[in-house]
Amino acid sequence: MKGDRVEIVVDAGDTTRTYQVVASRAGRRVETSVRRGVVEVSEVTRSGSVVRTARFMATRVLALVEQPVPRSDGEVPLGEDPGT
């Protein structure tokens, strides 16, 4: 959904760097995957086409923070308690 974002904090040797991947248009979403020591964060359309991808070495990733946009239709984002 537009506005969904994922922040990636990466160890850059002497400092840390923060990157963001944001769903920039309506109907797009941000997906994350970890395969073979690589963290991939992709912006994907409704049909499943990848618009852009950010790749990081898993050993360098310090934090991966998913920030979903609050839904107006009452849908509760994954991982949140509907009772709160």
C-alpha atoms as a PDB file:
ATOM      1  CA  MET A   1       0.000   0.000   0.000  1.00  0.00           C
ATOM      2  CA  LYS A   2       1.262   3.495  -0.790  1.00  0.00           C
ATOM      3  CA  GLY A   3       3.370   4.801   2.065  1.00  0.00           C
ATOM      4  CA  ASP A   4       4.508   1.419   3.369  1.00  0.00           C
ATOM      5  CA  ARG A   5       8.214   1.631   4.063  1.00  0.00           C
ATOM      6  CA  VAL A   6      11.152  -0.465   5.164  1.00  0.00           C
ATOM      7  CA  GLU A   7      14.217   1.065   6.812  1.00  0.00           C
ATOM      8  CA  ILE A   8      17.515  -0.792   6.595  1.00  0.00           C
ATOM      9  CA  VAL A   9      20.407   0.087   8.927  1.00  0.00           C
ATOM     10  CA  VAL A  10      23.745  -1.129   7.573  1.00  0.00           C
ATOM     11  CA  ASP A  11      27.216  -1.293   9.143  1.00  0.00           C
ATOM     12  CA  ALA A  12      29.498   0.734   6.882  1.00  0.00           C
ATOM     13  CA  GLY A  13      32.758   0.082   8.734  1.00  0.00           C
ATOM     14  CA  ASP A  14      33.342   3.149  10.887  1.00  0.00           C
ATOM     15  CA  THR A  15      29.717   4.314  10.834  1.00  0.00           C
ATOM     16  CA  THR A  16      26.173   3.154  10.079  1.00  0.00           C
ATOM     17  CA  ARG A  17      24.026   4.102   7.118  1.00  0.00           C
ATOM     18  CA  THR A  18      20.250   4.078   6.900  1.00  0.00           C
ATOM     19  CA  TYR A  19      18.358   3.355   3.694  1.00  0.00           C
ATOM     20  CA  GLN A  20      14.613   3.451   3.017  1.00  0.00           C
ATOM     21  CA  VAL A  21      12.494   1.689   0.428  1.00  0.00           C
ATOM     22  CA  VAL A  22       9.011   3.210   0.156  1.00  0.00           C
ATOM     23  CA  ALA A  23       5.924   2.104  -1.778  1.00  0.00           C
ATOM     24  CA  SER A  24       5.687   5.260  -3.887  1.00  0.00           C
ATOM     25  CA  ARG A  25       2.345   4.736  -5.656  1.00  0.00           C
ATOM     26  CA  ALA A  26      -1.087   3.342  -4.869  1.00  0.00           C
ATOM     27  CA  GLY A  27      -1.269  -0.435  -5.203  1.00  0.00           C
ATOM     28  CA  ARG A  28       2.413  -1.035  -4.589  1.00  0.00           C
ATOM     29  CA  ARG A  29       3.880  -2.822  -1.607  1.00  0.00           C
ATOM     30  CA  VAL A  30       7.315  -3.442  -0.122  1.00  0.00           C
ATOM     31  CA  GLU A  31       8.531  -7.029   0.286  1.00  0.00           C
ATOM     32  CA  THR A  32      11.611  -8.299   2.102  1.00  0.00           C
ATOM     33  CA  SER A  33      13.482 -11.567   1.704  1.00  0.00           C
ATOM     34  CA  VAL A  34      16.708 -13.089   2.985  1.00  0.00           C
ATOM     35  CA  ARG A  35      18.428 -15.612   0.704  1.00  0.00           C
ATOM     36  CA  ARG A  36      21.974 -16.925   0.552  1.00  0.00           C
ATOM     37  CA  GLY A  37      23.383 -14.243   2.813  1.00  0.00           C
ATOM     38  CA  VAL A  38      21.707 -11.353   0.963  1.00  0.00           C
ATOM     39  CA  VAL A  39      18.834  -9.202   2.245  1.00  0.00           C
ATOM     40  CA  GLU A  40      16.570  -7.990  -0.580  1.00  0.00           C
ATOM     41  CA  VAL A  41      13.972  -5.259  -0.172  1.00  0.00           C
ATOM     42  CA  SER A  42      11.763  -4.740  -3.230  1.00  0.00           C
ATOM     43  CA  GLU A  43       8.945  -2.420  -4.255  1.00  0.00           C
ATOM     44  CA  VAL A  44       6.371  -4.579  -6.049  1.00  0.00           C
ATOM     45  CA  THR A  45       3.247  -3.751  -8.099  1.00  0.00           C
ATOM     46  CA  ARG A  46      -0.155  -5.416  -7.681  1.00  0.00           C
ATOM     47  CA  SER A  47       0.651  -7.841 -10.488  1.00  0.00           C
ATOM     48  CA  GLY A  48       3.937  -8.874  -8.833  1.00  0.00           C
ATOM     49  CA  SER A  49       6.352  -6.989 -11.089  1.00  0.00           C
ATOM     50  CA  VAL A  50       9.393  -5.678  -9.265  1.00  0.00           C
ATOM     51  CA  VAL A  51       9.865  -1.917  -9.676  1.00  0.00           C
ATOM     52  CA  ARG A  52      13.142  -1.579  -7.773  1.00  0.00           C
ATOM     53  CA  THR A  53      15.263  -3.642  -5.426  1.00  0.00           C
ATOM     54  CA  ALA A  54      17.830  -2.828  -2.757  1.00  0.00           C
ATOM     55  CA  ARG A  55      20.313  -5.597  -1.842  1.00  0.00           C
ATOM     56  CA  PHE A  56      22.554  -5.771   1.210  1.00  0.00           C
ATOM     57  CA  MET A  57      24.941  -8.375   2.624  1.00  0.00           C
ATOM     58  CA  ALA A  58      23.128  -9.994   5.549  1.00  0.00           C
ATOM     59  CA  THR A  59      26.258  -9.863   7.725  1.00  0.00           C
ATOM     60  CA  ARG A  60      26.257  -6.049   7.428  1.00  0.00           C
ATOM     61  CA  VAL A  61      22.563  -5.460   8.187  1.00  0.00           C
ATOM     62  CA  LEU A  62      22.084  -4.272  11.772  1.00  0.00           C
ATOM     63  CA  ALA A  63      18.323  -3.616  11.649  1.00  0.00           C
ATOM     64  CA  LEU A  64      15.426  -4.105   9.274  1.00  0.00           C
ATOM     65  CA  VAL A  65      12.367  -2.094  10.324  1.00  0.00           C
ATOM     66  CA  GLU A  66       9.043  -2.531   8.520  1.00  0.00           C
ATOM     67  CA  GLN A  67       6.681   0.426   8.937  1.00  0.00           C
ATOM     68  CA  PRO A  68       3.234  -0.247   7.464  1.00  0.00           C
ATOM     69  CA  VAL A  69       0.816   2.621   6.930  1.00  0.00           C
ATOM     70  CA  PRO A  70      -2.235   2.447   9.235  1.00  0.00           C
ATOM     71  CA  ARG A  71      -5.179   1.110   7.206  1.00  0.00           C
ATOM     72  CA  SER A  72      -8.404   3.139   7.134  1.00  0.00           C
ATOM     73  CA  ASP A  73     -10.578   0.070   6.447  1.00  0.00           C
ATOM     74  CA  GLY A  74      -9.908  -1.418   9.879  1.00  0.00           C
ATOM     75  CA  GLU A  75      -7.416  -4.003   8.618  1.00  0.00           C
ATOM     76  CA  VAL A  76      -4.780  -4.779  11.213  1.00  0.00           C
ATOM     77  CA  PRO A  77      -1.210  -4.992   9.808  1.00  0.00           C
ATOM     78  CA  LEU A  78       0.570  -8.283  10.328  1.00  0.00           C
ATOM     79  CA  GLY A  79       2.176  -8.700  13.730  1.00  0.00           C
ATOM     80  CA  GLU A  80      -0.047  -6.217  15.558  1.00  0.00           C
ATOM     81  CA  ASP A  81      -2.560  -7.092  18.236  1.00  0.00           C
ATOM     82  CA  PRO A  82      -6.116  -6.100  17.202  1.00  0.00           C
ATOM     83  CA  GLY A  83      -7.058  -5.627  20.875  1.00  0.00           C
ATOM     84  CA  THR A  84      -4.825  -2.600  21.386  1.00  0.00           C
END
